[in-house]
Amino acid sequence: MFAGKGYVREDLECSHYMKNFDVGHVPLRAAKAKQLLVTINNNFGTLAFCRRYLDRLGETKYLMALKNLCDAGIVEPCPPMCDVRGSYVSQSEHTILLRPTCKEVISRGDDY
């Protein structure tokens, strides 16, 4: 069943973030932002993470520091993808091996 319009836009509150791979050294003034960046580098690198993961690592009162990192371009917010306002979009990925005579999905397993 499909109830959307077929295009994606950003909507709702952002809870996921990712460190910008291409950003160089950016001077930070806030000590909390520097400390949060160390935590992000040590635990996630450039992989996406959510605020819940920061909570589990023992980070507290980090929202302003996270905003500072986003404003500086060090961390990119990844807001949820929506089609119709308030709905969610699902994304799945596979690894596909292209052979001369066929295509094979090699990421498919028992749980997928």
N, C-alpha and C. Protein backbone atom coordinates (compact mmCIF):
# COMPACT_ATOMS: atom_id res chain seq x y z
N MET A 1 0.85 -1.17 0.00
CA MET A 1 0.00 0.00 0.00
C MET A 1 0.89 1.23 0.00
N PHE A 2 0.57 2.21 -0.78
CA PHE A 2 1.36 3.42 -0.90
C PHE A 2 0.46 4.62 -0.69
N ALA A 3 0.82 5.47 0.26
CA ALA A 3 -0.01 6.64 0.54
C ALA A 3 0.77 7.93 0.37
N GLY A 4 2.02 7.84 -0.13
CA GLY A 4 2.85 9.02 -0.24
C GLY A 4 2.76 9.68 -1.60
N LYS A 5 3.60 10.69 -1.78
CA LYS A 5 3.64 11.44 -3.03
C LYS A 5 4.82 11.04 -3.89
N GLY A 6 5.74 10.24 -3.36
CA GLY A 6 6.85 9.75 -4.16
C GLY A 6 8.10 10.60 -4.12
N TYR A 7 8.19 11.56 -3.22
CA TYR A 7 9.42 12.32 -3.07
C TYR A 7 9.70 12.50 -1.58
N VAL A 8 10.97 12.72 -1.27
CA VAL A 8 11.40 12.77 0.13
C VAL A 8 11.78 14.19 0.50
N ARG A 9 11.44 14.58 1.71
CA ARG A 9 11.86 15.88 2.26
C ARG A 9 12.20 15.68 3.73
N GLU A 10 12.92 16.65 4.29
CA GLU A 10 13.28 16.58 5.70
C GLU A 10 12.13 17.10 6.54
N ASP A 11 11.88 16.43 7.67
CA ASP A 11 10.77 16.81 8.53
C ASP A 11 11.07 16.30 9.93
N LEU A 12 10.37 16.77 10.89
CA LEU A 12 10.45 16.32 12.28
C LEU A 12 11.78 16.70 12.92
N GLU A 13 11.92 16.41 14.19
CA GLU A 13 13.11 16.74 14.96
C GLU A 13 14.26 15.82 14.58
N CYS A 14 15.45 16.37 14.49
CA CYS A 14 16.63 15.59 14.13
C CYS A 14 17.17 14.87 15.36
N SER A 15 17.43 13.58 15.21
CA SER A 15 18.01 12.80 16.30
C SER A 15 19.27 12.06 15.86
N HIS A 16 19.60 12.08 14.58
CA HIS A 16 20.77 11.38 14.06
C HIS A 16 21.76 12.38 13.46
N TYR A 17 23.03 12.05 13.61
CA TYR A 17 24.10 12.95 13.19
C TYR A 17 25.24 12.13 12.60
N MET A 18 26.12 12.82 11.86
CA MET A 18 27.28 12.16 11.28
C MET A 18 28.41 13.18 11.18
N LYS A 19 29.61 12.77 11.57
CA LYS A 19 30.76 13.66 11.46
C LYS A 19 31.09 13.86 9.99
N ASN A 20 31.34 15.09 9.61
CA ASN A 20 31.67 15.43 8.23
C ASN A 20 33.06 14.90 7.90
N PHE A 21 33.13 14.02 6.91
CA PHE A 21 34.39 13.38 6.52
C PHE A 21 35.39 14.39 5.97
N ASP A 22 34.92 15.40 5.26
CA ASP A 22 35.78 16.33 4.53
C ASP A 22 36.24 17.54 5.32
N VAL A 23 35.74 17.70 6.53
CA VAL A 23 36.08 18.91 7.28
C VAL A 23 37.50 18.78 7.85
N GLY A 24 38.23 19.87 7.75
CA GLY A 24 39.57 19.91 8.33
C GLY A 24 39.50 20.35 9.79
N HIS A 25 40.60 20.88 10.29
CA HIS A 25 40.62 21.35 11.67
C HIS A 25 39.80 22.63 11.77
N VAL A 26 38.88 22.64 12.69
CA VAL A 26 38.06 23.82 12.96
C VAL A 26 38.26 24.17 14.43
N PRO A 27 38.73 25.39 14.73
CA PRO A 27 38.93 25.75 16.13
C PRO A 27 37.60 25.87 16.87
N LEU A 28 37.54 25.26 18.03
CA LEU A 28 36.34 25.30 18.87
C LEU A 28 36.67 26.04 20.15
N ARG A 29 35.78 26.92 20.57
CA ARG A 29 36.00 27.67 21.80
C ARG A 29 35.45 26.94 23.01
N ALA A 30 34.31 26.31 22.86
CA ALA A 30 33.63 25.69 24.00
C ALA A 30 34.31 24.37 24.37
N ALA A 31 34.69 24.26 25.63
CA ALA A 31 35.35 23.04 26.12
C ALA A 31 34.44 21.83 25.98
N LYS A 32 33.16 22.00 26.22
CA LYS A 32 32.21 20.88 26.12
C LYS A 32 32.12 20.38 24.67
N ALA A 33 32.17 21.30 23.70
CA ALA A 33 32.15 20.91 22.28
C ALA A 33 33.41 20.13 21.92
N LYS A 34 34.56 20.57 22.44
CA LYS A 34 35.82 19.85 22.19
C LYS A 34 35.76 18.45 22.78
N GLN A 35 35.24 18.34 23.99
CA GLN A 35 35.15 17.04 24.66
C GLN A 35 34.17 16.12 23.94
N LEU A 36 33.05 16.68 23.46
CA LEU A 36 32.08 15.88 22.72
C LEU A 36 32.67 15.41 21.40
N LEU A 37 33.46 16.24 20.74
CA LEU A 37 34.10 15.85 19.49
C LEU A 37 35.07 14.69 19.72
N VAL A 38 35.78 14.70 20.83
CA VAL A 38 36.67 13.58 21.17
C VAL A 38 35.86 12.30 21.34
N THR A 39 34.74 12.39 22.03
CA THR A 39 33.87 11.22 22.22
C THR A 39 33.36 10.71 20.88
N ILE A 40 32.94 11.61 20.00
CA ILE A 40 32.45 11.21 18.68
C ILE A 40 33.56 10.56 17.87
N ASN A 41 34.75 11.17 17.86
CA ASN A 41 35.88 10.60 17.12
C ASN A 41 36.25 9.21 17.63
N ASN A 42 36.29 9.05 18.94
CA ASN A 42 36.71 7.77 19.53
C ASN A 42 35.69 6.66 19.35
N ASN A 43 34.42 6.99 19.30
CA ASN A 43 33.38 5.96 19.28
C ASN A 43 32.70 5.76 17.93
N PHE A 44 32.65 6.80 17.10
CA PHE A 44 31.89 6.69 15.86
C PHE A 44 32.69 7.03 14.61
N GLY A 45 33.71 7.87 14.75
CA GLY A 45 34.41 8.32 13.55
C GLY A 45 33.43 9.07 12.66
N THR A 46 33.31 8.63 11.40
CA THR A 46 32.37 9.27 10.48
C THR A 46 31.09 8.46 10.31
N LEU A 47 30.88 7.44 11.14
CA LEU A 47 29.63 6.67 11.09
C LEU A 47 28.50 7.48 11.72
N ALA A 48 27.31 7.26 11.24
CA ALA A 48 26.14 7.95 11.80
C ALA A 48 25.89 7.48 13.23
N PHE A 49 25.39 8.38 14.06
CA PHE A 49 25.06 8.06 15.45
C PHE A 49 23.83 8.85 15.84
N CYS A 50 23.18 8.42 16.90
CA CYS A 50 22.03 9.15 17.40
C CYS A 50 22.32 9.63 18.83
N ARG A 51 21.51 10.54 19.30
CA ARG A 51 21.72 11.10 20.64
C ARG A 51 21.63 10.03 21.71
N ARG A 52 20.82 9.01 21.48
CA ARG A 52 20.69 7.91 22.44
C ARG A 52 22.05 7.23 22.67
N TYR A 53 22.86 7.12 21.61
CA TYR A 53 24.18 6.51 21.75
C TYR A 53 25.08 7.37 22.64
N LEU A 54 24.95 8.69 22.52
CA LEU A 54 25.74 9.57 23.38
C LEU A 54 25.31 9.41 24.84
N ASP A 55 24.00 9.25 25.06
CA ASP A 55 23.50 9.01 26.42
C ASP A 55 24.12 7.74 26.99
N ARG A 56 24.15 6.68 26.19
CA ARG A 56 24.69 5.39 26.64
C ARG A 56 26.18 5.46 26.95
N LEU A 57 26.88 6.39 26.30
CA LEU A 57 28.31 6.57 26.57
C LEU A 57 28.56 7.44 27.80
N GLY A 58 27.48 7.90 28.42
CA GLY A 58 27.62 8.70 29.64
C GLY A 58 27.67 10.19 29.41
N GLU A 59 27.46 10.63 28.18
CA GLU A 59 27.45 12.07 27.90
C GLU A 59 26.19 12.69 28.48
N THR A 60 26.34 13.83 29.12
CA THR A 60 25.20 14.55 29.68
C THR A 60 25.31 16.02 29.28
N LYS A 61 24.19 16.68 29.19
CA LYS A 61 24.15 18.12 28.88
C LYS A 61 25.00 18.45 27.65
N TYR A 62 24.78 17.72 26.58
CA TYR A 62 25.61 17.86 25.38
C TYR A 62 24.89 18.55 24.22
N LEU A 63 23.62 18.91 24.38
CA LEU A 63 22.86 19.45 23.25
C LEU A 63 23.45 20.75 22.70
N MET A 64 23.89 21.65 23.56
CA MET A 64 24.50 22.89 23.08
C MET A 64 25.84 22.61 22.40
N ALA A 65 26.61 21.68 22.95
CA ALA A 65 27.89 21.31 22.33
C ALA A 65 27.65 20.68 20.96
N LEU A 66 26.63 19.84 20.86
CA LEU A 66 26.29 19.22 19.58
C LEU A 66 25.84 20.28 18.57
N LYS A 67 25.09 21.27 19.04
CA LYS A 67 24.67 22.37 18.16
C LYS A 67 25.89 23.16 17.70
N ASN A 68 26.86 23.39 18.59
CA ASN A 68 28.09 24.09 18.21
C ASN A 68 28.84 23.33 17.12
N LEU A 69 28.92 22.00 17.26
CA LEU A 69 29.61 21.18 16.27
C LEU A 69 28.87 21.22 14.93
N CYS A 70 27.55 21.23 14.97
CA CYS A 70 26.76 21.32 13.74
C CYS A 70 26.93 22.69 13.09
N ASP A 71 26.88 23.74 13.89
CA ASP A 71 27.03 25.10 13.36
C ASP A 71 28.40 25.31 12.74
N ALA A 72 29.43 24.64 13.28
CA ALA A 72 30.79 24.75 12.76
C ALA A 72 31.00 23.88 11.52
N GLY A 73 30.03 23.04 11.19
CA GLY A 73 30.15 22.17 10.03
C GLY A 73 30.94 20.90 10.28
N ILE A 74 31.29 20.65 11.53
CA ILE A 74 32.05 19.45 11.89
C ILE A 74 31.14 18.23 11.90
N VAL A 75 29.94 18.42 12.40
CA VAL A 75 28.94 17.35 12.46
C VAL A 75 27.75 17.78 11.61
N GLU A 76 27.24 16.85 10.81
CA GLU A 76 26.09 17.11 9.95
C GLU A 76 24.84 16.48 10.56
N PRO A 77 23.77 17.25 10.74
CA PRO A 77 22.52 16.63 11.18
C PRO A 77 21.92 15.80 10.05
N CYS A 78 21.31 14.69 10.39
CA CYS A 78 20.64 13.80 9.41
C CYS A 78 19.19 13.67 9.82
N PRO A 79 18.35 14.65 9.48
CA PRO A 79 16.95 14.59 9.91
C PRO A 79 16.21 13.42 9.26
N PRO A 80 15.12 12.98 9.87
CA PRO A 80 14.38 11.86 9.29
C PRO A 80 13.83 12.22 7.91
N MET A 81 13.79 11.24 7.03
CA MET A 81 13.24 11.44 5.70
C MET A 81 11.73 11.21 5.75
N CYS A 82 10.97 12.13 5.19
CA CYS A 82 9.52 12.02 5.18
C CYS A 82 9.00 12.23 3.77
N ASP A 83 7.87 11.65 3.50
CA ASP A 83 7.19 11.86 2.22
C ASP A 83 5.97 12.74 2.48
N VAL A 84 4.93 12.18 3.01
CA VAL A 84 3.77 12.95 3.44
C VAL A 84 4.06 13.42 4.86
N ARG A 85 3.74 14.66 5.19
CA ARG A 85 4.07 15.23 6.49
C ARG A 85 3.69 14.28 7.62
N GLY A 86 4.67 14.00 8.48
CA GLY A 86 4.45 13.14 9.63
C GLY A 86 4.68 11.67 9.36
N SER A 87 4.88 11.28 8.11
CA SER A 87 5.13 9.87 7.80
C SER A 87 6.64 9.63 7.72
N TYR A 88 7.04 8.38 7.72
CA TYR A 88 8.45 8.02 7.63
C TYR A 88 8.72 7.29 6.32
N VAL A 89 9.96 7.36 5.87
CA VAL A 89 10.40 6.67 4.66
C VAL A 89 11.41 5.62 5.09
N SER A 90 11.29 4.44 4.54
CA SER A 90 12.22 3.36 4.85
C SER A 90 13.28 3.28 3.76
N GLN A 91 14.50 2.97 4.15
CA GLN A 91 15.58 2.80 3.19
C GLN A 91 16.25 1.47 3.47
N SER A 92 16.46 0.67 2.45
CA SER A 92 17.21 -0.57 2.61
C SER A 92 18.28 -0.62 1.54
N GLU A 93 19.33 -1.33 1.84
CA GLU A 93 20.43 -1.43 0.91
C GLU A 93 20.87 -2.87 0.78
N HIS A 94 21.38 -3.20 -0.36
CA HIS A 94 21.96 -4.51 -0.61
C HIS A 94 23.30 -4.33 -1.30
N THR A 95 24.15 -5.32 -1.19
CA THR A 95 25.36 -5.38 -1.98
C THR A 95 25.05 -6.26 -3.18
N ILE A 96 25.23 -5.72 -4.37
CA ILE A 96 24.89 -6.44 -5.59
C ILE A 96 26.16 -6.69 -6.39
N LEU A 97 26.39 -7.95 -6.73
CA LEU A 97 27.53 -8.35 -7.55
C LEU A 97 27.06 -8.43 -9.00
N LEU A 98 27.66 -7.61 -9.84
CA LEU A 98 27.29 -7.60 -11.26
C LEU A 98 28.23 -8.52 -12.02
N ARG A 99 27.68 -9.59 -12.55
CA ARG A 99 28.44 -10.55 -13.35
C ARG A 99 28.10 -10.33 -14.82
N PRO A 100 28.90 -10.89 -15.73
CA PRO A 100 28.62 -10.68 -17.16
C PRO A 100 27.24 -11.15 -17.60
N THR A 101 26.72 -12.20 -16.95
CA THR A 101 25.44 -12.75 -17.39
C THR A 101 24.31 -12.60 -16.39
N CYS A 102 24.60 -12.12 -15.19
CA CYS A 102 23.53 -12.01 -14.19
C CYS A 102 23.91 -11.01 -13.11
N LYS A 103 22.95 -10.70 -12.26
CA LYS A 103 23.15 -9.86 -11.07
C LYS A 103 22.83 -10.72 -9.86
N GLU A 104 23.68 -10.64 -8.83
CA GLU A 104 23.48 -11.46 -7.64
C GLU A 104 23.47 -10.57 -6.40
N VAL A 105 22.43 -10.68 -5.59
CA VAL A 105 22.35 -9.97 -4.33
C VAL A 105 23.11 -10.81 -3.30
N ILE A 106 24.26 -10.30 -2.84
CA ILE A 106 25.08 -11.10 -1.93
C ILE A 106 24.92 -10.70 -0.47
N SER A 107 24.18 -9.64 -0.20
CA SER A 107 23.97 -9.22 1.19
C SER A 107 22.73 -9.85 1.80
N ARG A 108 21.99 -10.60 1.04
CA ARG A 108 20.76 -11.21 1.54
C ARG A 108 21.13 -12.40 2.41
N GLY A 109 20.57 -12.45 3.61
CA GLY A 109 20.84 -13.55 4.53
C GLY A 109 19.56 -14.06 5.15
N ASP A 110 19.69 -14.89 6.17
CA ASP A 110 18.53 -15.47 6.84
C ASP A 110 17.66 -14.41 7.50
N ASP A 111 18.28 -13.33 7.94
CA ASP A 111 17.53 -12.30 8.67
C ASP A 111 17.05 -11.18 7.76
N TYR A 112 17.20 -11.29 6.48
CA TYR A 112 16.85 -10.19 5.58
C TYR A 112 15.95 -10.67 4.48
